[in-house]
Amino acid sequence: MSSPSAIDKTLMVLDAVLEHSRFTDVVTATGLAKSTVHRIMASLVEHEFVAQAEDGSYHPGPKALRLAGHALTNVDLATVARPVLADLVAQTRCTVHVGLLNGDEAIYVARLDGPKPYRMPSRVGKAFWLHCTGIGKALLAEKDDEALDALVTRTGLPARTPLTHTTAAALKADLVQVRARGYALDDEENEPGIRCVAAVIHDHTGTAIAAVSISTLSLEQSIAQVALMAPAAIEAARKISAALGYLEPTG
């Protein structure tokens, strides 16, 4: 295997600075010689791709941040999610969605159908409640009780089906389980006869902005069977989050 080029080494150092602020940690992460890292860091600082604080630590500089800002401004969630959703359909043979948080509701921004003879009533551009959907509950699980109480005050908890949570206590109890297991379930709470599992999507700041769901008919799969697809939903959400620039916490 050929040794890394000068450009490769520069990109390795810049990538390491995004996760490590100490010079020694950057050296360890790249595996390059200290003299090489020092020379590259000095050049990156000079060109404002890296900034050095008074305590000697390193951070992304103004040009790196500006470049990231321009790139993220042009990111389209539906476009980013589409190849991940295609894989998810192939894996589950179910209809899959991405819903984007929009104030006190969410909006479908992407949908791909599985090879089934039926179609879900959802459509791209349609808004839906948070408290009674898998996508919505995956997003609500990221909020604290104060934010949840404020939302309930603003919107109420209207019943969509006899299984919809219509009290704050019931919703909060469900969200405790969502947080514990890492995914949300909709057991005919939004549409009679439809079940789904959903996992949250984070953007580059770590903010929960959307969620991905896998939907099926209750006649086809029990809620326990739907829950078995949770790992696939979580992995899809992880891939989309990574494509949006989200770095998962380590350790």
C-alpha atoms as a PDB file:
ATOM      1  CA  MET A   1       0.000   0.000   0.000  1.00  0.00           C
ATOM      2  CA  SER A   2       1.401   3.422  -0.983  1.00  0.00           C
ATOM      3  CA  SER A   3       2.129   6.020   1.673  1.00  0.00           C
ATOM      4  CA  PRO A   4      -0.360   8.893   2.011  1.00  0.00           C
ATOM      5  CA  SER A   5       0.220  11.935  -0.169  1.00  0.00           C
ATOM      6  CA  ALA A   6       0.670  15.440   1.189  1.00  0.00           C
ATOM      7  CA  ILE A   7      -2.995  16.145   0.477  1.00  0.00           C
ATOM      8  CA  ASP A   8      -4.033  12.935   2.236  1.00  0.00           C
ATOM      9  CA  LYS A   9      -2.007  13.899   5.303  1.00  0.00           C
ATOM     10  CA  THR A  10      -3.519  17.395   5.382  1.00  0.00           C
ATOM     11  CA  LEU A  11      -7.052  15.996   5.216  1.00  0.00           C
ATOM     12  CA  MET A  12      -6.215  13.447   7.923  1.00  0.00           C
ATOM     13  CA  VAL A  13      -5.066  16.235  10.246  1.00  0.00           C
ATOM     14  CA  LEU A  14      -8.051  18.454   9.474  1.00  0.00           C
ATOM     15  CA  ASP A  15     -10.445  15.554  10.097  1.00  0.00           C
ATOM     16  CA  ALA A  16      -8.721  14.780  13.408  1.00  0.00           C
ATOM     17  CA  VAL A  17      -9.018  18.404  14.562  1.00  0.00           C
ATOM     18  CA  LEU A  18     -12.800  18.142  14.220  1.00  0.00           C
ATOM     19  CA  GLU A  19     -12.806  15.580  17.043  1.00  0.00           C
ATOM     20  CA  HIS A  20      -9.647  16.336  19.032  1.00  0.00           C
ATOM     21  CA  SER A  21      -8.480  19.670  20.411  1.00  0.00           C
ATOM     22  CA  ARG A  22      -5.104  18.578  21.813  1.00  0.00           C
ATOM     23  CA  PHE A  23      -2.056  18.331  19.575  1.00  0.00           C
ATOM     24  CA  THR A  24      -0.997  14.964  21.028  1.00  0.00           C
ATOM     25  CA  ASP A  25      -4.467  13.523  20.388  1.00  0.00           C
ATOM     26  CA  VAL A  26      -4.343  14.691  16.768  1.00  0.00           C
ATOM     27  CA  VAL A  27      -0.960  12.997  16.370  1.00  0.00           C
ATOM     28  CA  THR A  28      -2.342   9.770  17.836  1.00  0.00           C
ATOM     29  CA  ALA A  29      -5.511   9.895  15.703  1.00  0.00           C
ATOM     30  CA  THR A  30      -3.595  10.410  12.445  1.00  0.00           C
ATOM     31  CA  GLY A  31      -0.632   8.137  13.147  1.00  0.00           C
ATOM     32  CA  LEU A  32       1.648  10.725  11.549  1.00  0.00           C
ATOM     33  CA  ALA A  33       4.951  11.983  12.910  1.00  0.00           C
ATOM     34  CA  LYS A  34       4.756  14.913  15.328  1.00  0.00           C
ATOM     35  CA  SER A  35       6.885  17.080  13.024  1.00  0.00           C
ATOM     36  CA  THR A  36       4.545  16.373  10.107  1.00  0.00           C
ATOM     37  CA  VAL A  37       1.430  17.171  12.127  1.00  0.00           C
ATOM     38  CA  HIS A  38       3.045  20.342  13.501  1.00  0.00           C
ATOM     39  CA  ARG A  39       3.929  21.554   9.999  1.00  0.00           C
ATOM     40  CA  ILE A  40       0.427  20.825   8.642  1.00  0.00           C
ATOM     41  CA  MET A  41      -1.297  22.406  11.655  1.00  0.00           C
ATOM     42  CA  ALA A  42       0.770  25.563  11.271  1.00  0.00           C
ATOM     43  CA  SER A  43      -0.304  25.840   7.623  1.00  0.00           C
ATOM     44  CA  LEU A  44      -3.961  25.190   8.478  1.00  0.00           C
ATOM     45  CA  VAL A  45      -3.839  27.867  11.181  1.00  0.00           C
ATOM     46  CA  GLU A  46      -2.212  30.324   8.764  1.00  0.00           C
ATOM     47  CA  HIS A  47      -4.985  29.747   6.223  1.00  0.00           C
ATOM     48  CA  GLU A  48      -7.722  29.897   8.932  1.00  0.00           C
ATOM     49  CA  PHE A  49      -8.958  26.333   8.488  1.00  0.00           C
ATOM     50  CA  VAL A  50      -7.842  25.667  12.065  1.00  0.00           C
ATOM     51  CA  ALA A  51      -7.777  28.093  15.002  1.00  0.00           C
ATOM     52  CA  GLN A  52      -5.547  27.873  18.063  1.00  0.00           C
ATOM     53  CA  ALA A  53      -6.868  29.054  21.423  1.00  0.00           C
ATOM     54  CA  GLU A  54      -4.814  30.774  24.132  1.00  0.00           C
ATOM     55  CA  ASP A  55      -4.473  27.507  26.041  1.00  0.00           C
ATOM     56  CA  GLY A  56      -2.891  25.862  22.988  1.00  0.00           C
ATOM     57  CA  SER A  57      -5.907  23.778  21.988  1.00  0.00           C
ATOM     58  CA  TYR A  58      -7.005  23.553  18.372  1.00  0.00           C
ATOM     59  CA  HIS A  59     -10.486  23.997  16.891  1.00  0.00           C
ATOM     60  CA  PRO A  60     -12.065  24.340  13.429  1.00  0.00           C
ATOM     61  CA  GLY A  61     -11.231  27.784  12.067  1.00  0.00           C
ATOM     62  CA  PRO A  62     -13.482  30.359  10.409  1.00  0.00           C
ATOM     63  CA  LYS A  63     -12.879  29.077   6.868  1.00  0.00           C
ATOM     64  CA  ALA A  64     -13.707  25.493   7.855  1.00  0.00           C
ATOM     65  CA  LEU A  65     -16.861  26.668   9.598  1.00  0.00           C
ATOM     66  CA  ARG A  66     -17.825  28.824   6.625  1.00  0.00           C
ATOM     67  CA  LEU A  67     -17.322  25.891   4.260  1.00  0.00           C
ATOM     68  CA  ALA A  68     -19.442  23.639   6.497  1.00  0.00           C
ATOM     69  CA  GLY A  69     -22.145  26.286   6.692  1.00  0.00           C
ATOM     70  CA  HIS A  70     -22.361  26.608   2.909  1.00  0.00           C
ATOM     71  CA  ALA A  71     -22.526  22.839   2.496  1.00  0.00           C
ATOM     72  CA  LEU A  72     -25.197  22.331   5.151  1.00  0.00           C
ATOM     73  CA  THR A  73     -27.336  25.149   3.761  1.00  0.00           C
ATOM     74  CA  ASN A  74     -27.699  23.159   0.542  1.00  0.00           C
ATOM     75  CA  VAL A  75     -28.433  19.793   2.174  1.00  0.00           C
ATOM     76  CA  ASP A  76     -31.846  18.422   1.233  1.00  0.00           C
ATOM     77  CA  LEU A  77     -33.109  15.867   3.743  1.00  0.00           C
ATOM     78  CA  ALA A  78     -35.210  13.945   1.232  1.00  0.00           C
ATOM     79  CA  THR A  79     -32.302  13.654  -1.199  1.00  0.00           C
ATOM     80  CA  VAL A  80     -29.931  12.510   1.531  1.00  0.00           C
ATOM     81  CA  ALA A  81     -32.448   9.985   2.857  1.00  0.00           C
ATOM     82  CA  ARG A  82     -33.545   8.449  -0.453  1.00  0.00           C
ATOM     83  CA  PRO A  83     -30.773   5.830  -0.929  1.00  0.00           C
ATOM     84  CA  VAL A  84     -31.063   4.826   2.740  1.00  0.00           C
ATOM     85  CA  LEU A  85     -34.824   4.447   2.368  1.00  0.00           C
ATOM     86  CA  ALA A  86     -34.363   2.350  -0.770  1.00  0.00           C
ATOM     87  CA  ASP A  87     -32.176  -0.053   1.202  1.00  0.00           C
ATOM     88  CA  LEU A  88     -34.717  -0.073   4.018  1.00  0.00           C
ATOM     89  CA  VAL A  89     -37.553  -1.010   1.650  1.00  0.00           C
ATOM     90  CA  ALA A  90     -35.451  -3.813   0.178  1.00  0.00           C
ATOM     91  CA  GLN A  91     -34.721  -5.080   3.673  1.00  0.00           C
ATOM     92  CA  THR A  92     -38.246  -4.858   5.163  1.00  0.00           C
ATOM     93  CA  ARG A  93     -40.544  -4.890   2.090  1.00  0.00           C
ATOM     94  CA  CYS A  94     -42.614  -2.235   3.884  1.00  0.00           C
ATOM     95  CA  THR A  95     -43.515   1.399   3.227  1.00  0.00           C
ATOM     96  CA  VAL A  96     -40.955   3.751   4.752  1.00  0.00           C
ATOM     97  CA  HIS A  97     -41.125   7.468   5.511  1.00  0.00           C
ATOM     98  CA  VAL A  98     -39.074  10.391   6.723  1.00  0.00           C
ATOM     99  CA  GLY A  99     -40.974  13.057   8.644  1.00  0.00           C
ATOM    100  CA  LEU A 100     -39.488  16.479   9.384  1.00  0.00           C
ATOM    101  CA  LEU A 101     -40.306  18.346  12.590  1.00  0.00           C
ATOM    102  CA  ASN A 102     -42.184  21.571  11.875  1.00  0.00           C
ATOM    103  CA  GLY A 103     -43.238  23.399  15.020  1.00  0.00           C
ATOM    104  CA  ASP A 104     -45.905  21.388  16.853  1.00  0.00           C
ATOM    105  CA  GLU A 105     -46.337  18.896  14.029  1.00  0.00           C
ATOM    106  CA  ALA A 106     -44.274  17.005  11.483  1.00  0.00           C
ATOM    107  CA  ILE A 107     -44.419  16.788   7.696  1.00  0.00           C
ATOM    108  CA  TYR A 108     -43.683  13.837   5.445  1.00  0.00           C
ATOM    109  CA  VAL A 109     -40.727  14.789   3.239  1.00  0.00           C
ATOM    110  CA  ALA A 110     -39.952  11.360   1.790  1.00  0.00           C
ATOM    111  CA  ARG A 111     -41.822   8.113   1.202  1.00  0.00           C
ATOM    112  CA  LEU A 112     -40.995   4.871  -0.574  1.00  0.00           C
ATOM    113  CA  ASP A 113     -43.468   2.019  -0.953  1.00  0.00           C
ATOM    114  CA  GLY A 114     -42.735  -1.645  -0.524  1.00  0.00           C
ATOM    115  CA  PRO A 115     -43.804  -4.314  -3.051  1.00  0.00           C
ATOM    116  CA  LYS A 116     -47.265  -4.691  -1.554  1.00  0.00           C
ATOM    117  CA  PRO A 117     -50.642  -4.463  -3.352  1.00  0.00           C
ATOM    118  CA  TYR A 118     -51.824  -1.698  -1.016  1.00  0.00           C
ATOM    119  CA  ARG A 119     -50.738   1.909  -0.402  1.00  0.00           C
ATOM    120  CA  MET A 120     -50.569   3.834   2.861  1.00  0.00           C
ATOM    121  CA  PRO A 121     -52.741   6.964   3.212  1.00  0.00           C
ATOM    122  CA  SER A 122     -49.666   9.119   3.817  1.00  0.00           C
ATOM    123  CA  ARG A 123     -48.210  11.441   1.180  1.00  0.00           C
ATOM    124  CA  VAL A 124     -45.213  13.734   0.893  1.00  0.00           C
ATOM    125  CA  GLY A 125     -46.135  17.209   2.124  1.00  0.00           C
ATOM    126  CA  LYS A 126     -48.841  15.976   4.495  1.00  0.00           C
ATOM    127  CA  ALA A 127     -48.649  17.269   8.082  1.00  0.00           C
ATOM    128  CA  PHE A 128     -49.440  15.028  11.037  1.00  0.00           C
ATOM    129  CA  TRP A 129     -49.641  15.081  14.837  1.00  0.00           C
ATOM    130  CA  LEU A 130     -46.662  14.204  17.009  1.00  0.00           C
ATOM    131  CA  HIS A 131     -48.384  12.482  19.955  1.00  0.00           C
ATOM    132  CA  CYS A 132     -49.982   9.648  17.983  1.00  0.00           C
ATOM    133  CA  THR A 133     -47.380   8.697  15.366  1.00  0.00           C
ATOM    134  CA  GLY A 134     -44.142   6.749  15.507  1.00  0.00           C
ATOM    135  CA  ILE A 135     -42.203   9.592  13.904  1.00  0.00           C
ATOM    136  CA  GLY A 136     -43.807  12.119  16.224  1.00  0.00           C
ATOM    137  CA  LYS A 137     -43.122  10.146  19.398  1.00  0.00           C
ATOM    138  CA  ALA A 138     -39.510   9.506  18.358  1.00  0.00           C
ATOM    139  CA  LEU A 139     -39.134  13.297  18.149  1.00  0.00           C
ATOM    140  CA  LEU A 140     -41.064  14.029  21.354  1.00  0.00           C
ATOM    141  CA  ALA A 141     -38.837  11.611  23.282  1.00  0.00           C
ATOM    142  CA  GLU A 142     -35.997  14.110  22.774  1.00  0.00           C
ATOM    143  CA  LYS A 143     -37.906  16.816  24.658  1.00  0.00           C
ATOM    144  CA  ASP A 144     -38.044  17.376  28.419  1.00  0.00           C
ATOM    145  CA  ASP A 145     -41.252  17.449  30.472  1.00  0.00           C
ATOM    146  CA  GLU A 146     -41.460  21.241  30.395  1.00  0.00           C
ATOM    147  CA  ALA A 147     -41.418  21.301  26.598  1.00  0.00           C
ATOM    148  CA  LEU A 148     -43.929  18.446  26.467  1.00  0.00           C
ATOM    149  CA  ASP A 149     -46.304  20.213  28.844  1.00  0.00           C
ATOM    150  CA  ALA A 150     -46.088  23.369  26.748  1.00  0.00           C
ATOM    151  CA  LEU A 151     -46.901  21.407  23.585  1.00  0.00           C
ATOM    152  CA  VAL A 152     -49.878  19.684  25.221  1.00  0.00           C
ATOM    153  CA  THR A 153     -51.178  23.081  26.351  1.00  0.00           C
ATOM    154  CA  ARG A 154     -50.897  24.470  22.822  1.00  0.00           C
ATOM    155  CA  THR A 155     -52.256  21.536  20.835  1.00  0.00           C
ATOM    156  CA  GLY A 156     -54.081  19.235  23.231  1.00  0.00           C
ATOM    157  CA  LEU A 157     -53.940  15.507  22.540  1.00  0.00           C
ATOM    158  CA  PRO A 158     -56.780  14.895  20.090  1.00  0.00           C
ATOM    159  CA  ALA A 159     -57.821  11.295  19.577  1.00  0.00           C
ATOM    160  CA  ARG A 160     -57.166   9.926  16.107  1.00  0.00           C
ATOM    161  CA  THR A 161     -58.243   6.392  17.046  1.00  0.00           C
ATOM    162  CA  PRO A 162     -59.453   4.675  20.246  1.00  0.00           C
ATOM    163  CA  LEU A 163     -55.783   3.809  20.939  1.00  0.00           C
ATOM    164  CA  THR A 164     -54.418   7.374  20.805  1.00  0.00           C
ATOM    165  CA  HIS A 165     -52.803   8.707  23.989  1.00  0.00           C
ATOM    166  CA  THR A 166     -55.123  11.521  25.076  1.00  0.00           C
ATOM    167  CA  THR A 167     -53.567  12.357  28.458  1.00  0.00           C
ATOM    168  CA  ALA A 168     -50.151  13.805  29.192  1.00  0.00           C
ATOM    169  CA  ALA A 169     -49.502  11.036  31.719  1.00  0.00           C
ATOM    170  CA  ALA A 170     -50.087   8.272  29.167  1.00  0.00           C
ATOM    171  CA  LEU A 171     -47.958   9.997  26.556  1.00  0.00           C
ATOM    172  CA  LYS A 172     -45.093  10.602  28.978  1.00  0.00           C
ATOM    173  CA  ALA A 173     -45.184   6.976  30.118  1.00  0.00           C
ATOM    174  CA  ASP A 174     -44.848   5.876  26.497  1.00  0.00           C
ATOM    175  CA  LEU A 175     -41.989   8.305  25.888  1.00  0.00           C
ATOM    176  CA  VAL A 176     -40.085   6.884  28.858  1.00  0.00           C
ATOM    177  CA  GLN A 177     -40.070   3.555  27.030  1.00  0.00           C
ATOM    178  CA  VAL A 178     -39.122   5.208  23.739  1.00  0.00           C
ATOM    179  CA  ARG A 179     -36.040   6.727  25.366  1.00  0.00           C
ATOM    180  CA  ALA A 180     -35.099   3.452  27.051  1.00  0.00           C
ATOM    181  CA  ARG A 181     -35.246   1.285  23.930  1.00  0.00           C
ATOM    182  CA  GLY A 182     -34.239   3.881  21.319  1.00  0.00           C
ATOM    183  CA  TYR A 183     -37.282   3.678  19.070  1.00  0.00           C
ATOM    184  CA  ALA A 184     -40.994   4.532  19.011  1.00  0.00           C
ATOM    185  CA  LEU A 185     -43.983   2.373  18.147  1.00  0.00           C
ATOM    186  CA  ASP A 186     -47.353   3.384  16.731  1.00  0.00           C
ATOM    187  CA  ASP A 187     -49.869   0.637  17.494  1.00  0.00           C
ATOM    188  CA  GLU A 188     -52.857   1.862  15.458  1.00  0.00           C
ATOM    189  CA  GLU A 189     -52.743   5.184  17.313  1.00  0.00           C
ATOM    190  CA  ASN A 190     -52.894   7.394  14.228  1.00  0.00           C
ATOM    191  CA  GLU A 191     -54.645   5.261  11.607  1.00  0.00           C
ATOM    192  CA  PRO A 192     -56.796   2.184  12.342  1.00  0.00           C
ATOM    193  CA  GLY A 193     -55.134  -0.928  10.981  1.00  0.00           C
ATOM    194  CA  ILE A 194     -51.653   0.585  10.595  1.00  0.00           C
ATOM    195  CA  ARG A 195     -48.619  -0.004  12.794  1.00  0.00           C
ATOM    196  CA  CYS A 196     -45.129   1.431  12.546  1.00  0.00           C
ATOM    197  CA  VAL A 197     -41.741   1.687  14.210  1.00  0.00           C
ATOM    198  CA  ALA A 198     -39.628   4.849  14.062  1.00  0.00           C
ATOM    199  CA  ALA A 199     -36.217   6.187  15.047  1.00  0.00           C
ATOM    200  CA  VAL A 200     -35.012   9.765  15.387  1.00  0.00           C
ATOM    201  CA  ILE A 201     -32.673  11.609  12.991  1.00  0.00           C
ATOM    202  CA  HIS A 202     -30.187  14.227  14.273  1.00  0.00           C
ATOM    203  CA  ASP A 203     -28.563  17.036  12.311  1.00  0.00           C
ATOM    204  CA  HIS A 204     -24.939  18.218  12.541  1.00  0.00           C
ATOM    205  CA  THR A 205     -25.675  20.109  15.777  1.00  0.00           C
ATOM    206  CA  GLY A 206     -27.133  17.035  17.480  1.00  0.00           C
ATOM    207  CA  THR A 207     -30.672  18.420  17.265  1.00  0.00           C
ATOM    208  CA  ALA A 208     -33.514  15.963  16.620  1.00  0.00           C
ATOM    209  CA  ILE A 209     -35.002  17.305  13.390  1.00  0.00           C
ATOM    210  CA  ALA A 210     -36.754  14.309  11.845  1.00  0.00           C
ATOM    211  CA  ALA A 211     -37.396  10.586  12.118  1.00  0.00           C
ATOM    212  CA  VAL A 212     -37.587   7.576   9.833  1.00  0.00           C
ATOM    213  CA  SER A 213     -40.416   5.044  10.072  1.00  0.00           C
ATOM    214  CA  ILE A 214     -41.351   1.603   8.776  1.00  0.00           C
ATOM    215  CA  SER A 215     -45.101   1.075   8.342  1.00  0.00           C
ATOM    216  CA  THR A 216     -47.230  -2.018   7.806  1.00  0.00           C
ATOM    217  CA  LEU A 217     -50.801  -3.263   8.182  1.00  0.00           C
ATOM    218  CA  SER A 218     -51.827  -4.655  11.567  1.00  0.00           C
ATOM    219  CA  LEU A 219     -53.358  -7.607   9.695  1.00  0.00           C
ATOM    220  CA  GLU A 220     -49.886  -8.519   8.444  1.00  0.00           C
ATOM    221  CA  GLN A 221     -47.752  -8.020  11.528  1.00  0.00           C
ATOM    222  CA  SER A 222     -48.347  -7.892  15.279  1.00  0.00           C
ATOM    223  CA  ILE A 223     -46.839  -5.045  17.273  1.00  0.00           C
ATOM    224  CA  ALA A 224     -44.173  -7.481  18.494  1.00  0.00           C
ATOM    225  CA  GLN A 225     -43.262  -8.299  14.889  1.00  0.00           C
ATOM    226  CA  VAL A 226     -43.143  -4.604  14.033  1.00  0.00           C
ATOM    227  CA  ALA A 227     -40.759  -4.047  16.959  1.00  0.00           C
ATOM    228  CA  LEU A 228     -38.403  -6.621  15.449  1.00  0.00           C
ATOM    229  CA  MET A 229     -37.791  -4.130  12.620  1.00  0.00           C
ATOM    230  CA  ALA A 230     -36.556  -1.504  15.090  1.00  0.00           C
ATOM    231  CA  PRO A 231     -32.844  -2.240  14.496  1.00  0.00           C
ATOM    232  CA  ALA A 232     -33.348  -1.556  10.787  1.00  0.00           C
ATOM    233  CA  ALA A 233     -35.086   1.763  11.543  1.00  0.00           C
ATOM    234  CA  ILE A 234     -32.367   2.766  14.016  1.00  0.00           C
ATOM    235  CA  GLU A 235     -29.607   1.948  11.549  1.00  0.00           C
ATOM    236  CA  ALA A 236     -31.354   3.905   8.785  1.00  0.00           C
ATOM    237  CA  ALA A 237     -31.727   6.895  11.114  1.00  0.00           C
ATOM    238  CA  ARG A 238     -28.052   6.609  12.055  1.00  0.00           C
ATOM    239  CA  LYS A 239     -26.981   6.628   8.388  1.00  0.00           C
ATOM    240  CA  ILE A 240     -29.138   9.638   7.537  1.00  0.00           C
ATOM    241  CA  SER A 241     -27.901  11.493  10.629  1.00  0.00           C
ATOM    242  CA  ALA A 242     -24.289  10.788   9.651  1.00  0.00           C
ATOM    243  CA  ALA A 243     -24.959  12.093   6.136  1.00  0.00           C
ATOM    244  CA  LEU A 244     -26.256  15.311   7.733  1.00  0.00           C
ATOM    245  CA  GLY A 245     -22.994  15.701   9.639  1.00  0.00           C
ATOM    246  CA  TYR A 246     -24.013  14.261  12.997  1.00  0.00           C
ATOM    247  CA  LEU A 247     -21.186  12.746  15.031  1.00  0.00           C
ATOM    248  CA  GLU A 248     -22.408  10.138  17.495  1.00  0.00           C
ATOM    249  CA  PRO A 249     -21.120  10.535  21.065  1.00  0.00           C
ATOM    250  CA  THR A 250     -18.248   8.190  21.893  1.00  0.00           C
ATOM    251  CA  GLY A 251     -17.499   6.443  25.154  1.00  0.00           C
END
